[in-house]
């Protein structure tokens, strides 16, 4: 049996980077959101999650700076 090649459009790459699960649901499972309010709610949750992830990364960096500073002060 001959296999058909499937191509991924450039717009799908953005969808995949934004949310792999959403991309998979649309591309592989063929699911399309039926309720726009749920889609809007999901976007809001993704945005908040991204903000929290960014904040946790910043806090981790600040913590590392404090640890290095404390070590430098102890070694003097």
N, C-alpha and C. Protein backbone atom coordinates (compact mmCIF):
# COMPACT_ATOMS: atom_id res chain seq x y z
N UNK A 1 0.84 -1.18 0.00
CA UNK A 1 0.00 0.00 0.00
C UNK A 1 0.89 1.24 0.00
N UNK A 2 0.57 2.18 -0.85
CA UNK A 2 1.34 3.41 -0.96
C UNK A 2 0.92 4.38 0.14
N UNK A 3 1.92 4.92 0.84
CA UNK A 3 1.61 5.87 1.90
C UNK A 3 1.55 7.28 1.35
N UNK A 4 0.59 8.03 1.85
CA UNK A 4 0.42 9.42 1.43
C UNK A 4 1.25 10.32 2.34
N UNK A 5 2.03 11.21 1.76
CA UNK A 5 2.84 12.14 2.55
C UNK A 5 1.95 13.26 3.07
N UNK A 6 2.12 13.56 4.33
CA UNK A 6 1.36 14.66 4.91
C UNK A 6 2.32 15.79 5.22
N UNK A 7 1.93 16.99 4.88
CA UNK A 7 2.75 18.15 5.13
C UNK A 7 2.14 18.97 6.26
N UNK A 8 2.99 19.59 7.03
CA UNK A 8 2.55 20.46 8.11
C UNK A 8 2.70 21.90 7.63
N UNK A 9 1.62 22.64 7.69
CA UNK A 9 1.64 24.04 7.26
C UNK A 9 2.37 24.89 8.29
N UNK A 10 2.87 26.03 7.85
CA UNK A 10 3.61 26.93 8.74
C UNK A 10 2.73 27.39 9.90
N UNK A 11 1.46 27.61 9.65
CA UNK A 11 0.56 28.06 10.73
C UNK A 11 0.41 26.97 11.80
N UNK A 12 0.54 25.72 11.40
CA UNK A 12 0.44 24.62 12.36
C UNK A 12 1.64 24.57 13.29
N UNK A 13 2.78 25.03 12.81
CA UNK A 13 3.98 25.04 13.66
C UNK A 13 3.73 25.96 14.85
N UNK A 14 3.15 27.12 14.61
CA UNK A 14 2.81 28.04 15.70
C UNK A 14 1.82 27.42 16.67
N UNK A 15 0.83 26.72 16.13
CA UNK A 15 -0.14 26.04 16.99
C UNK A 15 0.54 24.99 17.85
N UNK A 16 1.48 24.25 17.26
CA UNK A 16 2.19 23.20 17.98
C UNK A 16 3.05 23.78 19.09
N UNK A 17 3.77 24.87 18.78
CA UNK A 17 4.62 25.50 19.79
C UNK A 17 3.77 26.05 20.93
N UNK A 18 2.62 26.62 20.60
CA UNK A 18 1.74 27.20 21.62
C UNK A 18 1.17 26.11 22.52
N UNK A 19 0.67 25.02 21.93
CA UNK A 19 0.09 23.93 22.72
C UNK A 19 0.11 22.65 21.89
N UNK A 20 1.03 21.75 22.24
CA UNK A 20 1.16 20.50 21.48
C UNK A 20 -0.12 19.67 21.55
N UNK A 21 -0.76 19.66 22.72
CA UNK A 21 -1.96 18.85 22.88
C UNK A 21 -3.09 19.35 21.98
N UNK A 22 -3.25 20.67 21.93
CA UNK A 22 -4.28 21.25 21.07
C UNK A 22 -4.01 20.91 19.61
N UNK A 23 -2.73 21.03 19.20
CA UNK A 23 -2.37 20.68 17.83
C UNK A 23 -2.71 19.22 17.53
N UNK A 24 -2.35 18.33 18.46
CA UNK A 24 -2.61 16.91 18.27
C UNK A 24 -4.12 16.64 18.17
N UNK A 25 -4.89 17.28 19.05
CA UNK A 25 -6.33 17.06 19.01
C UNK A 25 -6.92 17.46 17.66
N UNK A 26 -6.46 18.55 17.10
CA UNK A 26 -6.98 19.00 15.81
C UNK A 26 -6.43 18.18 14.65
N UNK A 27 -5.12 17.99 14.63
CA UNK A 27 -4.46 17.37 13.48
C UNK A 27 -4.65 15.85 13.42
N UNK A 28 -4.46 15.19 14.56
CA UNK A 28 -4.49 13.73 14.58
C UNK A 28 -5.89 13.20 14.90
N UNK A 29 -6.49 13.74 15.95
CA UNK A 29 -7.80 13.23 16.39
C UNK A 29 -8.95 13.83 15.62
N UNK A 30 -8.70 14.92 14.86
CA UNK A 30 -9.76 15.53 14.07
C UNK A 30 -10.78 16.30 14.88
N UNK A 31 -10.44 16.69 16.09
CA UNK A 31 -11.37 17.38 16.97
C UNK A 31 -11.33 18.87 16.71
N UNK A 32 -12.47 19.48 16.65
CA UNK A 32 -12.59 20.93 16.52
C UNK A 32 -13.41 21.44 17.69
N UNK A 33 -12.97 22.51 18.33
CA UNK A 33 -13.72 23.03 19.48
C UNK A 33 -15.11 23.48 19.04
N UNK A 34 -16.09 23.09 19.82
CA UNK A 34 -17.47 23.41 19.48
C UNK A 34 -18.03 24.61 20.22
N UNK A 35 -17.39 24.95 21.33
CA UNK A 35 -17.89 26.06 22.13
C UNK A 35 -16.81 27.14 22.24
N UNK A 36 -17.05 28.29 21.62
CA UNK A 36 -16.04 29.36 21.61
C UNK A 36 -15.69 29.86 23.02
N UNK A 37 -16.64 29.81 23.94
CA UNK A 37 -16.35 30.28 25.30
C UNK A 37 -15.32 29.39 25.98
N UNK A 38 -15.36 28.09 25.69
CA UNK A 38 -14.37 27.17 26.26
C UNK A 38 -12.99 27.43 25.64
N UNK A 39 -12.98 27.73 24.36
CA UNK A 39 -11.73 28.04 23.67
C UNK A 39 -11.11 29.31 24.27
N UNK A 40 -11.94 30.30 24.50
CA UNK A 40 -11.48 31.54 25.11
C UNK A 40 -10.95 31.30 26.52
N UNK A 41 -11.64 30.46 27.27
CA UNK A 41 -11.20 30.12 28.62
C UNK A 41 -9.85 29.38 28.59
N UNK A 42 -9.69 28.49 27.64
CA UNK A 42 -8.43 27.76 27.48
C UNK A 42 -7.28 28.69 27.14
N UNK A 43 -7.53 29.65 26.28
CA UNK A 43 -6.48 30.62 25.93
C UNK A 43 -6.08 31.43 27.15
N UNK A 44 -7.07 31.81 27.94
CA UNK A 44 -6.79 32.57 29.16
C UNK A 44 -5.95 31.74 30.13
N UNK A 45 -6.28 30.47 30.29
CA UNK A 45 -5.51 29.59 31.17
C UNK A 45 -4.09 29.39 30.66
N UNK A 46 -3.93 29.25 29.35
CA UNK A 46 -2.59 29.12 28.76
C UNK A 46 -1.76 30.38 29.02
N UNK A 47 -2.38 31.55 28.85
CA UNK A 47 -1.68 32.81 29.06
C UNK A 47 -1.22 32.93 30.52
N UNK A 48 -2.11 32.58 31.45
CA UNK A 48 -1.77 32.65 32.87
C UNK A 48 -0.66 31.65 33.21
N UNK A 49 -0.74 30.46 32.64
CA UNK A 49 0.30 29.45 32.86
C UNK A 49 1.66 29.95 32.36
N UNK A 50 1.66 30.58 31.20
CA UNK A 50 2.89 31.13 30.65
C UNK A 50 3.48 32.21 31.54
N UNK A 51 2.62 33.05 32.10
CA UNK A 51 3.09 34.09 33.00
C UNK A 51 3.69 33.49 34.26
N UNK A 52 3.05 32.47 34.80
CA UNK A 52 3.55 31.82 36.01
C UNK A 52 4.87 31.10 35.74
N UNK A 53 4.99 30.49 34.58
CA UNK A 53 6.23 29.81 34.22
C UNK A 53 7.36 30.82 34.09
N UNK A 54 7.09 31.95 33.47
CA UNK A 54 8.10 33.00 33.35
C UNK A 54 8.50 33.55 34.71
N UNK A 55 7.51 33.75 35.60
CA UNK A 55 7.81 34.26 36.93
C UNK A 55 8.64 33.26 37.73
N UNK A 56 8.35 31.98 37.61
CA UNK A 56 9.11 30.98 38.35
C UNK A 56 10.55 30.93 37.85
N UNK A 57 10.76 31.11 36.57
CA UNK A 57 12.12 31.16 36.03
C UNK A 57 12.89 32.36 36.57
N UNK A 58 12.21 33.50 36.66
CA UNK A 58 12.85 34.70 37.20
C UNK A 58 13.20 34.51 38.67
N UNK A 59 12.30 33.91 39.43
CA UNK A 59 12.56 33.66 40.85
C UNK A 59 13.72 32.68 41.03
N UNK A 60 13.81 31.69 40.18
CA UNK A 60 14.92 30.75 40.24
C UNK A 60 16.24 31.46 39.99
N UNK A 61 16.27 32.34 39.02
CA UNK A 61 17.48 33.10 38.72
C UNK A 61 17.87 33.99 39.90
N UNK A 62 16.90 34.66 40.50
CA UNK A 62 17.17 35.51 41.67
C UNK A 62 17.73 34.66 42.81
N UNK A 63 17.15 33.50 43.04
CA UNK A 63 17.63 32.60 44.08
C UNK A 63 19.07 32.18 43.84
N UNK A 64 19.39 31.86 42.60
CA UNK A 64 20.77 31.48 42.27
C UNK A 64 21.75 32.63 42.52
N UNK A 65 21.33 33.84 42.20
CA UNK A 65 22.17 35.01 42.45
C UNK A 65 22.43 35.15 43.95
N UNK A 66 21.40 34.96 44.76
CA UNK A 66 21.56 35.03 46.22
C UNK A 66 22.51 33.95 46.74
N UNK A 67 22.38 32.75 46.23
CA UNK A 67 23.25 31.65 46.67
C UNK A 67 24.71 31.95 46.32
N UNK A 68 24.95 32.39 45.10
CA UNK A 68 26.31 32.70 44.67
C UNK A 68 26.87 33.86 45.50
N UNK A 69 26.05 34.88 45.74
CA UNK A 69 26.49 36.01 46.57
C UNK A 69 26.84 35.54 47.99
N UNK A 70 26.00 34.71 48.57
CA UNK A 70 26.26 34.20 49.92
C UNK A 70 27.56 33.38 49.96
N UNK A 71 27.77 32.56 48.95
CA UNK A 71 29.01 31.77 48.89
C UNK A 71 30.24 32.65 48.77
N UNK A 72 30.13 33.67 47.95
CA UNK A 72 31.25 34.61 47.79
C UNK A 72 31.54 35.36 49.09
N UNK A 73 30.51 35.73 49.82
CA UNK A 73 30.68 36.42 51.10
C UNK A 73 31.31 35.48 52.14
N UNK A 74 30.93 34.22 52.11
CA UNK A 74 31.50 33.25 53.06
C UNK A 74 32.96 32.95 52.80
N UNK A 75 33.36 33.02 51.55
CA UNK A 75 34.74 32.69 51.18
C UNK A 75 35.71 33.85 51.38
N UNK A 76 35.23 35.01 51.74
CA UNK A 76 36.13 36.16 51.94
C UNK A 76 36.77 36.13 53.29
